[in-house]
Amino acid sequence: GIFTIDGVFSSQTHRMDLIKTYERDTGNSNENIGHQVTLQLTWNSDHNQFEGKWFVRTSNYRGEGIFELKLDEFSELLIDRLND
């Protein structure tokens, strides 16, 4: 479904906290109720990706799992510059 993402990134800790908000009745209307997913991620320089967990808490569903955000080469260069 359609979603927006809002959040913060710390260049000191290399952590991201994101909120992914789905637009109701887009994609799978049985699962997409306009809910929010919380993403808590930390940069893993060994794998060149952000890694962490996702969390969902609604009146009908509670869940969590592993989340990986892989970056393209340009984005990796930006992260590397922050590490210098």
PDB file of N, CA and C in Angstrom:
ATOM      1  N   GLY A   1       0.797  -1.189   0.000  1.00  0.00           N
ATOM      2  CA  GLY A   1       0.000   0.000   0.000  1.00  0.00           C
ATOM      3  C   GLY A   1       0.843   1.257   0.000  1.00  0.00           C
ATOM      4  N   ILE A   2       0.189   2.368  -0.070  1.00  0.00           N
ATOM      5  CA  ILE A   2       0.849   3.673  -0.061  1.00  0.00           C
ATOM      6  C   ILE A   2       1.182   4.046   1.377  1.00  0.00           C
ATOM      7  N   PHE A   3       2.389   4.595   1.580  1.00  0.00           N
ATOM      8  CA  PHE A   3       2.800   5.000   2.920  1.00  0.00           C
ATOM      9  C   PHE A   3       3.718   6.208   2.859  1.00  0.00           C
ATOM     10  N   THR A   4       3.844   6.883   4.000  1.00  0.00           N
ATOM     11  CA  THR A   4       4.817   7.957   4.182  1.00  0.00           C
ATOM     12  C   THR A   4       5.742   7.548   5.323  1.00  0.00           C
ATOM     13  N   ILE A   5       6.942   8.131   5.337  1.00  0.00           N
ATOM     14  CA  ILE A   5       7.903   7.855   6.401  1.00  0.00           C
ATOM     15  C   ILE A   5       8.372   9.180   6.976  1.00  0.00           C
ATOM     16  N   ASP A   6       8.410   9.248   8.301  1.00  0.00           N
ATOM     17  CA  ASP A   6       8.913  10.419   9.009  1.00  0.00           C
ATOM     18  C   ASP A   6       9.834   9.913  10.110  1.00  0.00           C
ATOM     19  N   GLY A   7      10.863  10.675  10.435  1.00  0.00           N
ATOM     20  CA  GLY A   7      11.733  10.217  11.507  1.00  0.00           C
ATOM     21  C   GLY A   7      12.953  11.082  11.685  1.00  0.00           C
ATOM     22  N   VAL A   8      13.897  10.545  12.472  1.00  0.00           N
ATOM     23  CA  VAL A   8      15.128  11.264  12.789  1.00  0.00           C
ATOM     24  C   VAL A   8      16.325  10.336  12.607  1.00  0.00           C
ATOM     25  N   PHE A   9      17.476  10.952  12.284  1.00  0.00           N
ATOM     26  CA  PHE A   9      18.741  10.239  12.160  1.00  0.00           C
ATOM     27  C   PHE A   9      19.779  10.983  12.974  1.00  0.00           C
ATOM     28  N   SER A  10      20.570  10.262  13.761  1.00  0.00           N
ATOM     29  CA  SER A  10      21.665  10.856  14.525  1.00  0.00           C
ATOM     30  C   SER A  10      22.987  10.520  13.848  1.00  0.00           C
ATOM     31  N   SER A  11      23.719  11.541  13.424  1.00  0.00           N
ATOM     32  CA  SER A  11      25.029  11.309  12.817  1.00  0.00           C
ATOM     33  C   SER A  11      26.063  10.912  13.867  1.00  0.00           C
ATOM     34  N   GLN A  12      25.765  11.130  15.144  1.00  0.00           N
ATOM     35  CA  GLN A  12      26.685  10.731  16.216  1.00  0.00           C
ATOM     36  C   GLN A  12      26.555   9.255  16.565  1.00  0.00           C
ATOM     37  N   THR A  13      25.317   8.763  16.666  1.00  0.00           N
ATOM     38  CA  THR A  13      25.094   7.364  17.052  1.00  0.00           C
ATOM     39  C   THR A  13      24.803   6.462  15.856  1.00  0.00           C
ATOM     40  N   HIS A  14      24.570   7.072  14.693  1.00  0.00           N
ATOM     41  CA  HIS A  14      24.206   6.341  13.467  1.00  0.00           C
ATOM     42  C   HIS A  14      22.932   5.524  13.648  1.00  0.00           C
ATOM     43  N   ARG A  15      22.000   6.087  14.398  1.00  0.00           N
ATOM     44  CA  ARG A  15      20.701   5.441  14.628  1.00  0.00           C
ATOM     45  C   ARG A  15      19.601   6.227  13.918  1.00  0.00           C
ATOM     46  N   MET A  16      18.567   5.491  13.504  1.00  0.00           N
ATOM     47  CA  MET A  16      17.376   6.092  12.919  1.00  0.00           C
ATOM     48  C   MET A  16      16.158   5.575  13.654  1.00  0.00           C
ATOM     49  N   ASP A  17      15.247   6.463  13.945  1.00  0.00           N
ATOM     50  CA  ASP A  17      13.933   6.104  14.461  1.00  0.00           C
ATOM     51  C   ASP A  17      12.921   6.643  13.458  1.00  0.00           C
ATOM     52  N   LEU A  18      12.156   5.739  12.864  1.00  0.00           N
ATOM     53  CA  LEU A  18      11.228   6.103  11.801  1.00  0.00           C
ATOM     54  C   LEU A  18       9.817   5.647  12.140  1.00  0.00           C
ATOM     55  N   ILE A  19       8.840   6.408  11.635  1.00  0.00           N
ATOM     56  CA  ILE A  19       7.431   6.017  11.704  1.00  0.00           C
ATOM     57  C   ILE A  19       6.928   5.912  10.265  1.00  0.00           C
ATOM     58  N   LYS A  20       6.473   4.726   9.899  1.00  0.00           N
ATOM     59  CA  LYS A  20       5.925   4.458   8.569  1.00  0.00           C
ATOM     60  C   LYS A  20       4.407   4.415   8.717  1.00  0.00           C
ATOM     61  N   THR A  21       3.706   5.359   8.073  1.00  0.00           N
ATOM     62  CA  THR A  21       2.254   5.467   8.189  1.00  0.00           C
ATOM     63  C   THR A  21       1.601   5.073   6.869  1.00  0.00           C
ATOM     64  N   TYR A  22       0.779   4.028   6.920  1.00  0.00           N
ATOM     65  CA  TYR A  22       0.091   3.541   5.729  1.00  0.00           C
ATOM     66  C   TYR A  22      -1.191   4.323   5.491  1.00  0.00           C
ATOM     67  N   GLU A  23      -1.479   4.582   4.203  1.00  0.00           N
ATOM     68  CA  GLU A  23      -2.738   5.208   3.819  1.00  0.00           C
ATOM     69  C   GLU A  23      -3.809   4.119   3.787  1.00  0.00           C
ATOM     70  N   ARG A  24      -4.870   4.347   4.526  1.00  0.00           N
ATOM     71  CA  ARG A  24      -5.951   3.363   4.665  1.00  0.00           C
ATOM     72  C   ARG A  24      -6.502   2.935   3.302  1.00  0.00           C
ATOM     73  N   ASP A  25      -6.810   1.631   3.199  1.00  0.00           N
ATOM     74  CA  ASP A  25      -7.452   1.041   2.013  1.00  0.00           C
ATOM     75  C   ASP A  25      -6.625   1.148   0.734  1.00  0.00           C
ATOM     76  N   THR A  26      -5.300   1.164   0.853  1.00  0.00           N
ATOM     77  CA  THR A  26      -4.436   1.055  -0.322  1.00  0.00           C
ATOM     78  C   THR A  26      -3.712  -0.281  -0.212  1.00  0.00           C
ATOM     79  N   GLY A  27      -3.410  -0.889  -1.333  1.00  0.00           N
ATOM     80  CA  GLY A  27      -2.776  -2.205  -1.297  1.00  0.00           C
ATOM     81  C   GLY A  27      -3.765  -3.247  -0.799  1.00  0.00           C
ATOM     82  N   ASN A  28      -3.370  -4.042   0.179  1.00  0.00           N
ATOM     83  CA  ASN A  28      -4.223  -5.086   0.749  1.00  0.00           C
ATOM     84  C   ASN A  28      -5.159  -4.454   1.772  1.00  0.00           C
ATOM     85  N   SER A  29      -6.427  -4.288   1.407  1.00  0.00           N
ATOM     86  CA  SER A  29      -7.377  -3.590   2.289  1.00  0.00           C
ATOM     87  C   SER A  29      -7.710  -4.394   3.540  1.00  0.00           C
ATOM     88  N   ASN A  30      -7.458  -5.706   3.535  1.00  0.00           N
ATOM     89  CA  ASN A  30      -7.684  -6.511   4.742  1.00  0.00           C
ATOM     90  C   ASN A  30      -6.624  -6.250   5.806  1.00  0.00           C
ATOM     91  N   GLU A  31      -5.412  -5.927   5.374  1.00  0.00           N
ATOM     92  CA  GLU A  31      -4.319  -5.700   6.320  1.00  0.00           C
ATOM     93  C   GLU A  31      -4.017  -4.225   6.533  1.00  0.00           C
ATOM     94  N   ASN A  32      -4.308  -3.385   5.545  1.00  0.00           N
ATOM     95  CA  ASN A  32      -3.937  -1.981   5.624  1.00  0.00           C
ATOM     96  C   ASN A  32      -5.088  -1.157   6.181  1.00  0.00           C
ATOM     97  N   ILE A  33      -4.950  -0.794   7.456  1.00  0.00           N
ATOM     98  CA  ILE A  33      -6.010  -0.048   8.144  1.00  0.00           C
ATOM     99  C   ILE A  33      -5.572   1.373   8.483  1.00  0.00           C
ATOM    100  N   GLY A  34      -4.544   1.856   7.763  1.00  0.00           N
ATOM    101  CA  GLY A  34      -4.040   3.191   8.054  1.00  0.00           C
ATOM    102  C   GLY A  34      -3.187   3.221   9.303  1.00  0.00           C
ATOM    103  N   HIS A  35      -2.553   2.125   9.598  1.00  0.00           N
ATOM    104  CA  HIS A  35      -1.772   1.974  10.828  1.00  0.00           C
ATOM    105  C   HIS A  35      -0.349   2.515  10.670  1.00  0.00           C
ATOM    106  N   GLN A  36       0.364   2.536  11.787  1.00  0.00           N
ATOM    107  CA  GLN A  36       1.749   2.980  11.805  1.00  0.00           C
ATOM    108  C   GLN A  36       2.663   1.824  12.186  1.00  0.00           C
ATOM    109  N   VAL A  37       3.849   1.834  11.587  1.00  0.00           N
ATOM    110  CA  VAL A  37       4.899   0.876  11.915  1.00  0.00           C
ATOM    111  C   VAL A  37       6.088   1.675  12.434  1.00  0.00           C
ATOM    112  N   THR A  38       6.601   1.306  13.595  1.00  0.00           N
ATOM    113  CA  THR A  38       7.786   1.943  14.160  1.00  0.00           C
ATOM    114  C   THR A  38       9.015   1.146  13.749  1.00  0.00           C
ATOM    115  N   LEU A  39      10.039   1.848  13.250  1.00  0.00           N
ATOM    116  CA  LEU A  39      11.304   1.226  12.857  1.00  0.00           C
ATOM    117  C   LEU A  39      12.419   1.820  13.705  1.00  0.00           C
ATOM    118  N   GLN A  40      13.193   0.969  14.374  1.00  0.00           N
ATOM    119  CA  GLN A  40      14.345   1.404  15.165  1.00  0.00           C
ATOM    120  C   GLN A  40      15.576   0.735  14.570  1.00  0.00           C
ATOM    121  N   LEU A  41      16.456   1.540  13.962  1.00  0.00           N
ATOM    122  CA  LEU A  41      17.558   1.006  13.168  1.00  0.00           C
ATOM    123  C   LEU A  41      18.896   1.602  13.576  1.00  0.00           C
ATOM    124  N   THR A  42      19.954   0.797  13.437  1.00  0.00           N
ATOM    125  CA  THR A  42      21.324   1.216  13.703  1.00  0.00           C
ATOM    126  C   THR A  42      22.185   0.845  12.501  1.00  0.00           C
ATOM    127  N   TRP A  43      23.116   1.738  12.135  1.00  0.00           N
ATOM    128  CA  TRP A  43      23.991   1.492  10.998  1.00  0.00           C
ATOM    129  C   TRP A  43      24.966   0.361  11.320  1.00  0.00           C
ATOM    130  N   ASN A  44      25.060  -0.628  10.422  1.00  0.00           N
ATOM    131  CA  ASN A  44      26.025  -1.717  10.525  1.00  0.00           C
ATOM    132  C   ASN A  44      27.033  -1.527   9.399  1.00  0.00           C
ATOM    133  N   SER A  45      28.222  -0.999   9.733  1.00  0.00           N
ATOM    134  CA  SER A  45      29.216  -0.696   8.703  1.00  0.00           C
ATOM    135  C   SER A  45      29.797  -1.962   8.079  1.00  0.00           C
ATOM    136  N   ASP A  46      29.764  -3.086   8.788  1.00  0.00           N
ATOM    137  CA  ASP A  46      30.264  -4.343   8.217  1.00  0.00           C
ATOM    138  C   ASP A  46      29.394  -4.825   7.057  1.00  0.00           C
ATOM    139  N   HIS A  47      28.092  -4.571   7.145  1.00  0.00           N
ATOM    140  CA  HIS A  47      27.157  -5.009   6.107  1.00  0.00           C
ATOM    141  C   HIS A  47      26.645  -3.861   5.235  1.00  0.00           C
ATOM    142  N   ASN A  48      27.094  -2.629   5.527  1.00  0.00           N
ATOM    143  CA  ASN A  48      26.656  -1.442   4.780  1.00  0.00           C
ATOM    144  C   ASN A  48      25.144  -1.333   4.701  1.00  0.00           C
ATOM    145  N   GLN A  49      24.498  -1.456   5.849  1.00  0.00           N
ATOM    146  CA  GLN A  49      23.041  -1.338   5.910  1.00  0.00           C
ATOM    147  C   GLN A  49      22.616  -0.970   7.324  1.00  0.00           C
ATOM    148  N   PHE A  50      21.396  -0.435   7.423  1.00  0.00           N
ATOM    149  CA  PHE A  50      20.779  -0.217   8.725  1.00  0.00           C
ATOM    150  C   PHE A  50      20.067  -1.499   9.126  1.00  0.00           C
ATOM    151  N   GLU A  51      20.180  -1.856  10.403  1.00  0.00           N
ATOM    152  CA  GLU A  51      19.552  -3.072  10.912  1.00  0.00           C
ATOM    153  C   GLU A  51      18.827  -2.759  12.205  1.00  0.00           C
ATOM    154  N   GLY A  52      17.748  -3.461  12.439  1.00  0.00           N
ATOM    155  CA  GLY A  52      17.006  -3.254  13.676  1.00  0.00           C
ATOM    156  C   GLY A  52      15.701  -4.005  13.669  1.00  0.00           C
ATOM    157  N   LYS A  53      14.693  -3.385  14.274  1.00  0.00           N
ATOM    158  CA  LYS A  53      13.390  -4.031  14.427  1.00  0.00           C
ATOM    159  C   LYS A  53      12.269  -3.122  13.956  1.00  0.00           C
ATOM    160  N   TRP A  54      11.159  -3.759  13.586  1.00  0.00           N
ATOM    161  CA  TRP A  54       9.905  -3.053  13.331  1.00  0.00           C
ATOM    162  C   TRP A  54       8.904  -3.484  14.392  1.00  0.00           C
ATOM    163  N   PHE A  55       7.985  -2.577  14.721  1.00  0.00           N
ATOM    164  CA  PHE A  55       6.947  -2.832  15.720  1.00  0.00           C
ATOM    165  C   PHE A  55       5.614  -2.310  15.204  1.00  0.00           C
ATOM    166  N   VAL A  56       4.549  -3.070  15.403  1.00  0.00           N
ATOM    167  CA  VAL A  56       3.189  -2.633  15.083  1.00  0.00           C
ATOM    168  C   VAL A  56       2.310  -2.906  16.288  1.00  0.00           C
ATOM    169  N   ARG A  57       1.509  -1.908  16.665  1.00  0.00           N
ATOM    170  CA  ARG A  57       0.541  -2.073  17.754  1.00  0.00           C
ATOM    171  C   ARG A  57      -0.764  -1.432  17.312  1.00  0.00           C
ATOM    172  N   THR A  58      -1.768  -2.261  17.005  1.00  0.00           N
ATOM    173  CA  THR A  58      -3.101  -1.758  16.686  1.00  0.00           C
ATOM    174  C   THR A  58      -4.097  -2.486  17.579  1.00  0.00           C
ATOM    175  N   SER A  59      -5.361  -2.127  17.468  1.00  0.00           N
ATOM    176  CA  SER A  59      -6.382  -2.810  18.268  1.00  0.00           C
ATOM    177  C   SER A  59      -6.565  -4.263  17.823  1.00  0.00           C
ATOM    178  N   ASN A  60      -6.210  -4.575  16.574  1.00  0.00           N
ATOM    179  CA  ASN A  60      -6.390  -5.927  16.040  1.00  0.00           C
ATOM    180  C   ASN A  60      -5.104  -6.734  15.911  1.00  0.00           C
ATOM    181  N   TYR A  61      -3.950  -6.081  16.008  1.00  0.00           N
ATOM    182  CA  TYR A  61      -2.702  -6.785  15.722  1.00  0.00           C
ATOM    183  C   TYR A  61      -1.548  -6.196  16.517  1.00  0.00           C
ATOM    184  N   ARG A  62      -0.700  -7.078  17.009  1.00  0.00           N
ATOM    185  CA  ARG A  62       0.563  -6.692  17.628  1.00  0.00           C
ATOM    186  C   ARG A  62       1.644  -7.568  17.025  1.00  0.00           C
ATOM    187  N   GLY A  63       2.716  -6.947  16.579  1.00  0.00           N
ATOM    188  CA  GLY A  63       3.784  -7.734  15.986  1.00  0.00           C
ATOM    189  C   GLY A  63       5.093  -6.987  15.979  1.00  0.00           C
ATOM    190  N   GLU A  64       6.156  -7.734  15.752  1.00  0.00           N
ATOM    191  CA  GLU A  64       7.482  -7.155  15.623  1.00  0.00           C
ATOM    192  C   GLU A  64       8.343  -8.126  14.845  1.00  0.00           C
ATOM    193  N   GLY A  65       9.423  -7.616  14.287  1.00  0.00           N
ATOM    194  CA  GLY A  65      10.324  -8.467  13.526  1.00  0.00           C
ATOM    195  C   GLY A  65      11.594  -7.734  13.166  1.00  0.00           C
ATOM    196  N   ILE A  66      12.469  -8.447  12.492  1.00  0.00           N
ATOM    197  CA  ILE A  66      13.750  -7.895  12.060  1.00  0.00           C
ATOM    198  C   ILE A  66      13.529  -7.043  10.808  1.00  0.00           C
ATOM    199  N   PHE A  67      14.269  -5.926  10.721  1.00  0.00           N
ATOM    200  CA  PHE A  67      14.162  -5.033   9.569  1.00  0.00           C
ATOM    201  C   PHE A  67      15.565  -4.664   9.110  1.00  0.00           C
ATOM    202  N   GLU A  68      15.805  -4.711   7.795  1.00  0.00           N
ATOM    203  CA  GLU A  68      17.072  -4.298   7.207  1.00  0.00           C
ATOM    204  C   GLU A  68      16.797  -3.276   6.114  1.00  0.00           C
ATOM    205  N   LEU A  69      17.564  -2.194   6.135  1.00  0.00           N
ATOM    206  CA  LEU A  69      17.442  -1.150   5.121  1.00  0.00           C
ATOM    207  C   LEU A  69      18.768  -1.079   4.377  1.00  0.00           C
ATOM    208  N   LYS A  70      18.779  -1.607   3.171  1.00  0.00           N
ATOM    209  CA  LYS A  70      19.990  -1.639   2.354  1.00  0.00           C
ATOM    210  C   LYS A  70      20.069  -0.352   1.537  1.00  0.00           C
ATOM    211  N   LEU A  71      21.284   0.160   1.363  1.00  0.00           N
ATOM    212  CA  LEU A  71      21.480   1.422   0.667  1.00  0.00           C
ATOM    213  C   LEU A  71      22.195   1.210  -0.652  1.00  0.00           C
ATOM    214  N   ASP A  72      21.973   2.144  -1.589  1.00  0.00           N
ATOM    215  CA  ASP A  72      22.733   2.104  -2.830  1.00  0.00           C
ATOM    216  C   ASP A  72      24.114   2.703  -2.582  1.00  0.00           C
ATOM    217  N   GLU A  73      25.004   2.636  -3.581  1.00  0.00           N
ATOM    218  CA  GLU A  73      26.387   3.079  -3.400  1.00  0.00           C
ATOM    219  C   GLU A  73      26.485   4.548  -3.015  1.00  0.00           C
ATOM    220  N   PHE A  74      25.670   5.415  -3.602  1.00  0.00           N
ATOM    221  CA  PHE A  74      25.727   6.841  -3.289  1.00  0.00           C
ATOM    222  C   PHE A  74      25.402   7.086  -1.820  1.00  0.00           C
ATOM    223  N   SER A  75      24.374   6.423  -1.326  1.00  0.00           N
ATOM    224  CA  SER A  75      23.995   6.584   0.077  1.00  0.00           C
ATOM    225  C   SER A  75      25.079   6.058   1.001  1.00  0.00           C
ATOM    226  N   GLU A  76      25.741   4.966   0.607  1.00  0.00           N
ATOM    227  CA  GLU A  76      26.831   4.425   1.413  1.00  0.00           C
ATOM    228  C   GLU A  76      27.968   5.431   1.521  1.00  0.00           C
ATOM    229  N   LEU A  77      28.260   6.154   0.439  1.00  0.00           N
ATOM    230  CA  LEU A  77      29.306   7.173   0.474  1.00  0.00           C
ATOM    231  C   LEU A  77      28.971   8.272   1.474  1.00  0.00           C
ATOM    232  N   LEU A  78      27.704   8.673   1.541  1.00  0.00           N
ATOM    233  CA  LEU A  78      27.301   9.700   2.503  1.00  0.00           C
ATOM    234  C   LEU A  78      27.502   9.217   3.932  1.00  0.00           C
ATOM    235  N   ILE A  79      27.140   7.973   4.215  1.00  0.00           N
ATOM    236  CA  ILE A  79      27.322   7.414   5.553  1.00  0.00           C
ATOM    237  C   ILE A  79      28.805   7.336   5.886  1.00  0.00           C
ATOM    238  N   ASP A  80      29.630   6.905   4.925  1.00  0.00           N
ATOM    239  CA  ASP A  80      31.074   6.823   5.154  1.00  0.00           C
ATOM    240  C   ASP A  80      31.653   8.187   5.498  1.00  0.00           C
ATOM    241  N   ARG A  81      31.177   9.247   4.860  1.00  0.00           N
ATOM    242  CA  ARG A  81      31.669  10.603   5.154  1.00  0.00           C
ATOM    243  C   ARG A  81      31.322  11.014   6.574  1.00  0.00           C
ATOM    244  N   LEU A  82      30.174  10.556   7.077  1.00  0.00           N
ATOM    245  CA  LEU A  82      29.802  10.861   8.454  1.00  0.00           C
ATOM    246  C   LEU A  82      30.732  10.172   9.442  1.00  0.00           C
ATOM    247  N   ASN A  83      31.284   9.035   9.057  1.00  0.00           N
ATOM    248  CA  ASN A  83      32.180   8.284   9.935  1.00  0.00           C
ATOM    249  C   ASN A  83      33.575   8.882  10.004  1.00  0.00           C
ATOM    250  N   ASP A  84      33.947   9.717   9.019  1.00  0.00           N
ATOM    251  CA  ASP A  84      35.296  10.317   8.992  1.00  0.00           C
ATOM    252  C   ASP A  84      35.451  11.432   9.992  1.00  0.00           C
TER     253      ASP A  84
END
